[in-house]
């Protein structure tokens, strides 16, 4: 079994996906509309990306900016459409108005996913009680990853939380892998890797010209090399 750290890259289209894979990405997160922090992409975009690359793809299930589920019937329909098109990994996460997990919305979608692997995304960084959220989601089918910076403002603010949660790996609610993303920089990697974190997520860091420009294979390769060569 390889000990290689997982590198996930945000892709908006097939061009991004091809560049990310060429640079050494292990997995893609597929989204649309980064101005709204990433929404569910069109099915035809998923199909084009799926045809262009052979690495795993996780599709965002989110209809509007913010962390409220909104119209759960539309969310469920989006999940069914993506499943029908062949999607088999997903990203989701919803909070109620008080900062607790919206368990009804999450469970509804998990039911639609029918055992598919999924990530609970950075909604955890806005949660009123991270530990309570993890305990409530514990045991849901397919939940294998938390995408988190440890804090709403990003990794700089969340480092201590990331290290604390990593140290609890294996406890109830702490079995899913921690994937670090959100203000992540190359200089964060040595400390995170040394703590045992083995999954990393980049978006803007893969796009030297900003979100209006494409993913750069060279930028992704820089991260791949750093992950593979850091002691």
C-alpha atoms as a PDB file:
ATOM      1  CA  UNK A   1       0.000   0.000   0.000  1.00  0.00           C
ATOM      2  CA  UNK A   2       1.418   3.354  -1.054  1.00  0.00           C
ATOM      3  CA  UNK A   3       2.140   5.999   1.532  1.00  0.00           C
ATOM      4  CA  UNK A   4       1.924   8.755  -1.081  1.00  0.00           C
ATOM      5  CA  UNK A   5      -0.067  11.745   0.137  1.00  0.00           C
ATOM      6  CA  UNK A   6      -3.293  12.486  -1.724  1.00  0.00           C
ATOM      7  CA  UNK A   7      -3.406  15.727  -3.721  1.00  0.00           C
ATOM      8  CA  UNK A   8      -6.877  16.917  -4.749  1.00  0.00           C
ATOM      9  CA  UNK A   9      -7.283  19.814  -7.180  1.00  0.00           C
ATOM     10  CA  UNK A  10     -10.405  21.844  -7.991  1.00  0.00           C
ATOM     11  CA  UNK A  11     -11.410  21.523 -11.653  1.00  0.00           C
ATOM     12  CA  UNK A  12     -13.980  23.647 -13.447  1.00  0.00           C
ATOM     13  CA  UNK A  13     -13.693  22.030 -16.880  1.00  0.00           C
ATOM     14  CA  UNK A  14     -11.898  19.354 -18.890  1.00  0.00           C
ATOM     15  CA  UNK A  15      -8.897  21.604 -19.556  1.00  0.00           C
ATOM     16  CA  UNK A  16      -8.385  22.003 -15.802  1.00  0.00           C
ATOM     17  CA  UNK A  17      -8.772  18.276 -15.282  1.00  0.00           C
ATOM     18  CA  UNK A  18      -6.193  17.320 -17.894  1.00  0.00           C
ATOM     19  CA  UNK A  19      -3.664  19.811 -16.510  1.00  0.00           C
ATOM     20  CA  UNK A  20      -4.268  18.680 -12.919  1.00  0.00           C
ATOM     21  CA  UNK A  21      -3.760  15.027 -13.803  1.00  0.00           C
ATOM     22  CA  UNK A  22      -0.638  15.859 -15.827  1.00  0.00           C
ATOM     23  CA  UNK A  23       0.766  17.708 -12.823  1.00  0.00           C
ATOM     24  CA  UNK A  24       0.281  14.746 -10.521  1.00  0.00           C
ATOM     25  CA  UNK A  25      -3.131  15.257  -8.905  1.00  0.00           C
ATOM     26  CA  UNK A  26      -4.626  12.110  -7.415  1.00  0.00           C
ATOM     27  CA  UNK A  27      -8.210  13.330  -7.408  1.00  0.00           C
ATOM     28  CA  UNK A  28     -10.349  16.205  -8.629  1.00  0.00           C
ATOM     29  CA  UNK A  29     -13.118  18.173  -6.965  1.00  0.00           C
ATOM     30  CA  UNK A  30     -15.588  19.227  -9.662  1.00  0.00           C
ATOM     31  CA  UNK A  31     -17.418  22.496  -9.097  1.00  0.00           C
ATOM     32  CA  UNK A  32     -18.924  25.430 -10.952  1.00  0.00           C
ATOM     33  CA  UNK A  33     -19.044  29.127 -10.044  1.00  0.00           C
ATOM     34  CA  UNK A  34     -16.134  29.760  -7.697  1.00  0.00           C
ATOM     35  CA  UNK A  35     -17.547  33.250  -7.107  1.00  0.00           C
ATOM     36  CA  UNK A  36     -20.043  31.358  -4.923  1.00  0.00           C
ATOM     37  CA  UNK A  37     -17.290  29.132  -3.456  1.00  0.00           C
ATOM     38  CA  UNK A  38     -18.193  26.199  -5.685  1.00  0.00           C
ATOM     39  CA  UNK A  39     -21.588  24.884  -6.793  1.00  0.00           C
ATOM     40  CA  UNK A  40     -22.830  21.721  -8.525  1.00  0.00           C
ATOM     41  CA  UNK A  41     -21.511  21.665 -12.096  1.00  0.00           C
ATOM     42  CA  UNK A  42     -23.660  20.840 -15.122  1.00  0.00           C
ATOM     43  CA  UNK A  43     -23.921  17.135 -15.950  1.00  0.00           C
ATOM     44  CA  UNK A  44     -22.319  17.710 -19.342  1.00  0.00           C
ATOM     45  CA  UNK A  45     -19.281  19.272 -17.651  1.00  0.00           C
ATOM     46  CA  UNK A  46     -18.938  16.185 -15.476  1.00  0.00           C
ATOM     47  CA  UNK A  47     -19.259  13.957 -18.542  1.00  0.00           C
ATOM     48  CA  UNK A  48     -16.580  15.913 -20.433  1.00  0.00           C
ATOM     49  CA  UNK A  49     -14.186  15.737 -17.491  1.00  0.00           C
ATOM     50  CA  UNK A  50     -14.890  12.053 -16.898  1.00  0.00           C
ATOM     51  CA  UNK A  51     -14.058  11.371 -20.545  1.00  0.00           C
ATOM     52  CA  UNK A  52     -10.847  13.442 -20.370  1.00  0.00           C
ATOM     53  CA  UNK A  53      -9.128  11.924 -17.316  1.00  0.00           C
ATOM     54  CA  UNK A  54      -9.004   8.644 -15.445  1.00  0.00           C
ATOM     55  CA  UNK A  55      -8.373   9.819 -11.867  1.00  0.00           C
ATOM     56  CA  UNK A  56     -11.179   9.898  -9.281  1.00  0.00           C
ATOM     57  CA  UNK A  57     -13.639  12.816  -9.398  1.00  0.00           C
ATOM     58  CA  UNK A  58     -15.664  14.161  -6.493  1.00  0.00           C
ATOM     59  CA  UNK A  59     -18.676  16.204  -7.582  1.00  0.00           C
ATOM     60  CA  UNK A  60     -19.940  19.094  -5.457  1.00  0.00           C
ATOM     61  CA  UNK A  61     -23.593  18.952  -4.363  1.00  0.00           C
ATOM     62  CA  UNK A  62     -24.423  22.572  -3.509  1.00  0.00           C
ATOM     63  CA  UNK A  63     -26.932  24.882  -5.168  1.00  0.00           C
ATOM     64  CA  UNK A  64     -26.184  28.304  -3.676  1.00  0.00           C
ATOM     65  CA  UNK A  65     -23.507  30.247  -1.829  1.00  0.00           C
ATOM     66  CA  UNK A  66     -23.479  29.699   1.919  1.00  0.00           C
ATOM     67  CA  UNK A  67     -23.967  26.557   3.971  1.00  0.00           C
ATOM     68  CA  UNK A  68     -27.763  26.193   4.036  1.00  0.00           C
ATOM     69  CA  UNK A  69     -29.103  23.212   2.091  1.00  0.00           C
ATOM     70  CA  UNK A  70     -31.835  25.250   0.420  1.00  0.00           C
ATOM     71  CA  UNK A  71     -34.185  23.254  -1.803  1.00  0.00           C
ATOM     72  CA  UNK A  72     -33.497  19.663  -0.814  1.00  0.00           C
ATOM     73  CA  UNK A  73     -35.705  18.299  -3.609  1.00  0.00           C
ATOM     74  CA  UNK A  74     -33.476  20.052  -6.155  1.00  0.00           C
ATOM     75  CA  UNK A  75     -30.379  18.795  -4.370  1.00  0.00           C
ATOM     76  CA  UNK A  76     -31.663  15.239  -4.457  1.00  0.00           C
ATOM     77  CA  UNK A  77     -32.480  15.598  -8.154  1.00  0.00           C
ATOM     78  CA  UNK A  78     -28.960  16.930  -8.830  1.00  0.00           C
ATOM     79  CA  UNK A  79     -27.524  13.901  -7.052  1.00  0.00           C
ATOM     80  CA  UNK A  80     -29.704  11.544  -9.085  1.00  0.00           C
ATOM     81  CA  UNK A  81     -28.676  13.219 -12.362  1.00  0.00           C
ATOM     82  CA  UNK A  82     -25.001  12.952 -11.488  1.00  0.00           C
ATOM     83  CA  UNK A  83     -25.367   9.323 -10.416  1.00  0.00           C
ATOM     84  CA  UNK A  84     -27.174   8.638 -13.680  1.00  0.00           C
ATOM     85  CA  UNK A  85     -24.265  10.160 -15.603  1.00  0.00           C
ATOM     86  CA  UNK A  86     -21.802   7.886 -13.803  1.00  0.00           C
ATOM     87  CA  UNK A  87     -20.587  10.037 -10.902  1.00  0.00           C
ATOM     88  CA  UNK A  88     -19.605   7.856  -7.960  1.00  0.00           C
ATOM     89  CA  UNK A  89     -17.868  10.247  -5.518  1.00  0.00           C
ATOM     90  CA  UNK A  90     -19.270  13.459  -4.054  1.00  0.00           C
ATOM     91  CA  UNK A  91     -18.700  16.505  -1.827  1.00  0.00           C
ATOM     92  CA  UNK A  92     -21.403  18.034   0.384  1.00  0.00           C
ATOM     93  CA  UNK A  93     -22.093  19.649   3.746  1.00  0.00           C
ATOM     94  CA  UNK A  94     -24.897  21.718   5.218  1.00  0.00           C
ATOM     95  CA  UNK A  95     -25.481  23.672   8.416  1.00  0.00           C
ATOM     96  CA  UNK A  96     -28.658  24.887  10.089  1.00  0.00           C
ATOM     97  CA  UNK A  97     -29.110  28.573  11.064  1.00  0.00           C
ATOM     98  CA  UNK A  98     -27.493  27.908  14.461  1.00  0.00           C
ATOM     99  CA  UNK A  99     -24.294  26.411  13.073  1.00  0.00           C
ATOM    100  CA  UNK A 100     -25.263  22.818  13.721  1.00  0.00           C
ATOM    101  CA  UNK A 101     -25.157  20.168  11.008  1.00  0.00           C
ATOM    102  CA  UNK A 102     -28.355  19.957   8.943  1.00  0.00           C
ATOM    103  CA  UNK A 103     -28.639  16.242   9.482  1.00  0.00           C
ATOM    104  CA  UNK A 104     -31.898  15.859   7.575  1.00  0.00           C
ATOM    105  CA  UNK A 105     -30.438  17.360   4.404  1.00  0.00           C
ATOM    106  CA  UNK A 106     -27.216  15.368   4.695  1.00  0.00           C
ATOM    107  CA  UNK A 107     -29.048  12.097   5.287  1.00  0.00           C
ATOM    108  CA  UNK A 108     -31.390  12.766   2.358  1.00  0.00           C
ATOM    109  CA  UNK A 109     -28.448  13.143  -0.004  1.00  0.00           C
ATOM    110  CA  UNK A 110     -26.534  10.221   1.469  1.00  0.00           C
ATOM    111  CA  UNK A 111     -29.606   8.116   0.732  1.00  0.00           C
ATOM    112  CA  UNK A 112     -29.477   9.232  -2.907  1.00  0.00           C
ATOM    113  CA  UNK A 113     -25.767   8.413  -3.112  1.00  0.00           C
ATOM    114  CA  UNK A 114     -26.438   4.787  -2.204  1.00  0.00           C
ATOM    115  CA  UNK A 115     -23.075   4.059  -0.607  1.00  0.00           C
ATOM    116  CA  UNK A 116     -20.879   6.289  -2.789  1.00  0.00           C
ATOM    117  CA  UNK A 117     -17.819   7.805  -1.120  1.00  0.00           C
ATOM    118  CA  UNK A 118     -18.194  11.448  -0.109  1.00  0.00           C
ATOM    119  CA  UNK A 119     -16.427  14.337   1.590  1.00  0.00           C
ATOM    120  CA  UNK A 120     -17.992  16.642   4.174  1.00  0.00           C
ATOM    121  CA  UNK A 121     -16.553  19.970   3.069  1.00  0.00           C
ATOM    122  CA  UNK A 122     -15.517  23.166   4.836  1.00  0.00           C
ATOM    123  CA  UNK A 123     -18.931  23.731   6.361  1.00  0.00           C
ATOM    124  CA  UNK A 124     -17.239  22.062   9.340  1.00  0.00           C
ATOM    125  CA  UNK A 125     -15.066  25.189   9.648  1.00  0.00           C
ATOM    126  CA  UNK A 126     -18.225  27.275  10.192  1.00  0.00           C
ATOM    127  CA  UNK A 127     -19.825  24.838  12.622  1.00  0.00           C
ATOM    128  CA  UNK A 128     -20.700  25.974  16.140  1.00  0.00           C
ATOM    129  CA  UNK A 129     -19.290  22.715  17.548  1.00  0.00           C
ATOM    130  CA  UNK A 130     -16.942  20.669  15.353  1.00  0.00           C
ATOM    131  CA  UNK A 131     -16.875  17.709  17.709  1.00  0.00           C
ATOM    132  CA  UNK A 132     -20.670  17.531  17.911  1.00  0.00           C
ATOM    133  CA  UNK A 133     -20.908  17.696  14.113  1.00  0.00           C
ATOM    134  CA  UNK A 134     -18.470  14.805  13.745  1.00  0.00           C
ATOM    135  CA  UNK A 135     -20.331  12.706  16.307  1.00  0.00           C
ATOM    136  CA  UNK A 136     -23.664  13.319  14.549  1.00  0.00           C
ATOM    137  CA  UNK A 137     -22.249  12.284  11.168  1.00  0.00           C
ATOM    138  CA  UNK A 138     -20.387   9.288  12.577  1.00  0.00           C
ATOM    139  CA  UNK A 139     -21.263   6.094  10.729  1.00  0.00           C
ATOM    140  CA  UNK A 140     -23.072   7.643   7.771  1.00  0.00           C
ATOM    141  CA  UNK A 141     -22.512   5.442   4.700  1.00  0.00           C
ATOM    142  CA  UNK A 142     -19.738   6.648   2.406  1.00  0.00           C
ATOM    143  CA  UNK A 143     -18.335   9.460   4.588  1.00  0.00           C
ATOM    144  CA  UNK A 144     -14.586   9.007   4.291  1.00  0.00           C
ATOM    145  CA  UNK A 145     -13.141  12.544   4.304  1.00  0.00           C
ATOM    146  CA  UNK A 146     -13.442  15.924   6.017  1.00  0.00           C
ATOM    147  CA  UNK A 147     -12.150  18.836   3.935  1.00  0.00           C
ATOM    148  CA  UNK A 148     -11.078  21.413   6.501  1.00  0.00           C
ATOM    149  CA  UNK A 149      -8.692  24.260   7.229  1.00  0.00           C
ATOM    150  CA  UNK A 150      -9.324  23.904  10.947  1.00  0.00           C
ATOM    151  CA  UNK A 151     -10.832  27.404  11.038  1.00  0.00           C
ATOM    152  CA  UNK A 152     -13.091  29.571   8.895  1.00  0.00           C
ATOM    153  CA  UNK A 153     -10.271  32.000   8.109  1.00  0.00           C
ATOM    154  CA  UNK A 154      -7.933  29.292   6.819  1.00  0.00           C
ATOM    155  CA  UNK A 155      -5.044  27.028   7.728  1.00  0.00           C
ATOM    156  CA  UNK A 156      -2.975  29.710   9.481  1.00  0.00           C
ATOM    157  CA  UNK A 157      -5.733  30.078  12.080  1.00  0.00           C
ATOM    158  CA  UNK A 158      -6.669  26.410  12.109  1.00  0.00           C
ATOM    159  CA  UNK A 159      -3.316  24.660  12.505  1.00  0.00           C
ATOM    160  CA  UNK A 160      -3.752  23.776  16.162  1.00  0.00           C
ATOM    161  CA  UNK A 161      -7.238  22.377  15.503  1.00  0.00           C
ATOM    162  CA  UNK A 162      -5.966  20.299  12.590  1.00  0.00           C
ATOM    163  CA  UNK A 163      -3.215  18.823  14.729  1.00  0.00           C
ATOM    164  CA  UNK A 164      -5.567  18.134  17.644  1.00  0.00           C
ATOM    165  CA  UNK A 165      -8.127  16.407  15.422  1.00  0.00           C
ATOM    166  CA  UNK A 166      -5.449  14.367  13.659  1.00  0.00           C
ATOM    167  CA  UNK A 167      -4.252  13.118  17.031  1.00  0.00           C
ATOM    168  CA  UNK A 168      -7.787  11.812  17.683  1.00  0.00           C
ATOM    169  CA  UNK A 169      -7.811   9.707  14.505  1.00  0.00           C
ATOM    170  CA  UNK A 170      -9.643   6.454  15.079  1.00  0.00           C
ATOM    171  CA  UNK A 171     -11.929   7.771  17.809  1.00  0.00           C
ATOM    172  CA  UNK A 172     -15.683   7.809  17.235  1.00  0.00           C
ATOM    173  CA  UNK A 173     -16.352  10.565  14.698  1.00  0.00           C
ATOM    174  CA  UNK A 174     -12.679  10.886  13.822  1.00  0.00           C
ATOM    175  CA  UNK A 175     -12.244   7.888  11.526  1.00  0.00           C
ATOM    176  CA  UNK A 176     -12.662   9.819   8.239  1.00  0.00           C
ATOM    177  CA  UNK A 177      -9.471  11.139   6.679  1.00  0.00           C
ATOM    178  CA  UNK A 178      -8.611  14.801   7.206  1.00  0.00           C
ATOM    179  CA  UNK A 179      -7.958  16.564   3.905  1.00  0.00           C
ATOM    180  CA  UNK A 180      -6.477  20.016   4.506  1.00  0.00           C
ATOM    181  CA  UNK A 181      -7.571  22.873   2.263  1.00  0.00           C
ATOM    182  CA  UNK A 182      -8.362  26.557   2.574  1.00  0.00           C
ATOM    183  CA  UNK A 183      -5.493  29.019   2.582  1.00  0.00           C
ATOM    184  CA  UNK A 184      -3.047  26.112   2.341  1.00  0.00           C
ATOM    185  CA  UNK A 185       0.525  27.025   1.382  1.00  0.00           C
ATOM    186  CA  UNK A 186       3.583  24.961   0.539  1.00  0.00           C
ATOM    187  CA  UNK A 187       5.252  26.055   3.783  1.00  0.00           C
ATOM    188  CA  UNK A 188       2.447  24.434   5.771  1.00  0.00           C
ATOM    189  CA  UNK A 189       3.247  20.997   4.380  1.00  0.00           C
ATOM    190  CA  UNK A 190       6.221  19.890   6.526  1.00  0.00           C
ATOM    191  CA  UNK A 191       4.374  20.389   9.828  1.00  0.00           C
ATOM    192  CA  UNK A 192       1.141  18.833   8.564  1.00  0.00           C
ATOM    193  CA  UNK A 193       2.886  15.825   7.052  1.00  0.00           C
ATOM    194  CA  UNK A 194       4.917  15.339  10.227  1.00  0.00           C
ATOM    195  CA  UNK A 195       1.651  15.244  12.200  1.00  0.00           C
ATOM    196  CA  UNK A 196       0.392  12.390  10.036  1.00  0.00           C
ATOM    197  CA  UNK A 197      -1.929  14.320   7.702  1.00  0.00           C
ATOM    198  CA  UNK A 198      -1.812  12.711   4.268  1.00  0.00           C
ATOM    199  CA  UNK A 199      -4.386  14.521   2.112  1.00  0.00           C
ATOM    200  CA  UNK A 200      -4.306  18.039   0.699  1.00  0.00           C
ATOM    201  CA  UNK A 201      -6.663  20.153  -1.409  1.00  0.00           C
ATOM    202  CA  UNK A 202      -5.764  23.128  -3.590  1.00  0.00           C
ATOM    203  CA  UNK A 203      -7.789  25.514  -5.718  1.00  0.00           C
ATOM    204  CA  UNK A 204      -6.298  28.929  -6.344  1.00  0.00           C
ATOM    205  CA  UNK A 205      -2.803  27.584  -5.670  1.00  0.00           C
ATOM    206  CA  UNK A 206      -3.093  25.569  -8.888  1.00  0.00           C
ATOM    207  CA  UNK A 207      -3.956  28.702 -10.915  1.00  0.00           C
ATOM    208  CA  UNK A 208      -1.076  31.202 -11.120  1.00  0.00           C
ATOM    209  CA  UNK A 209      -3.216  33.653 -13.122  1.00  0.00           C
ATOM    210  CA  UNK A 210      -6.196  33.494 -10.759  1.00  0.00           C
ATOM    211  CA  UNK A 211      -9.622  31.901 -11.003  1.00  0.00           C
ATOM    212  CA  UNK A 212     -10.198  33.369 -14.463  1.00  0.00           C
ATOM    213  CA  UNK A 213      -7.241  31.339 -15.714  1.00  0.00           C
ATOM    214  CA  UNK A 214      -6.780  27.582 -16.077  1.00  0.00           C
ATOM    215  CA  UNK A 215      -5.138  25.058 -13.799  1.00  0.00           C
ATOM    216  CA  UNK A 216      -1.384  24.964 -14.407  1.00  0.00           C
ATOM    217  CA  UNK A 217       0.187  21.511 -14.652  1.00  0.00           C
ATOM    218  CA  UNK A 218       3.459  23.105 -13.515  1.00  0.00           C
ATOM    219  CA  UNK A 219       1.852  24.569 -10.385  1.00  0.00           C
ATOM    220  CA  UNK A 220       0.259  21.215  -9.518  1.00  0.00           C
ATOM    221  CA  UNK A 221       3.585  19.498 -10.130  1.00  0.00           C
ATOM    222  CA  UNK A 222       5.253  21.830  -7.631  1.00  0.00           C
ATOM    223  CA  UNK A 223       2.811  20.634  -4.968  1.00  0.00           C
ATOM    224  CA  UNK A 224       3.216  17.008  -6.016  1.00  0.00           C
ATOM    225  CA  UNK A 225       6.972  17.278  -5.718  1.00  0.00           C
ATOM    226  CA  UNK A 226       6.758  18.998  -2.345  1.00  0.00           C
ATOM    227  CA  UNK A 227       4.467  16.283  -0.994  1.00  0.00           C
ATOM    228  CA  UNK A 228       6.669  13.507  -2.343  1.00  0.00           C
ATOM    229  CA  UNK A 229       9.998  14.918  -1.161  1.00  0.00           C
ATOM    230  CA  UNK A 230       9.225  16.509   2.225  1.00  0.00           C
ATOM    231  CA  UNK A 231      10.883  14.352   4.908  1.00  0.00           C
END
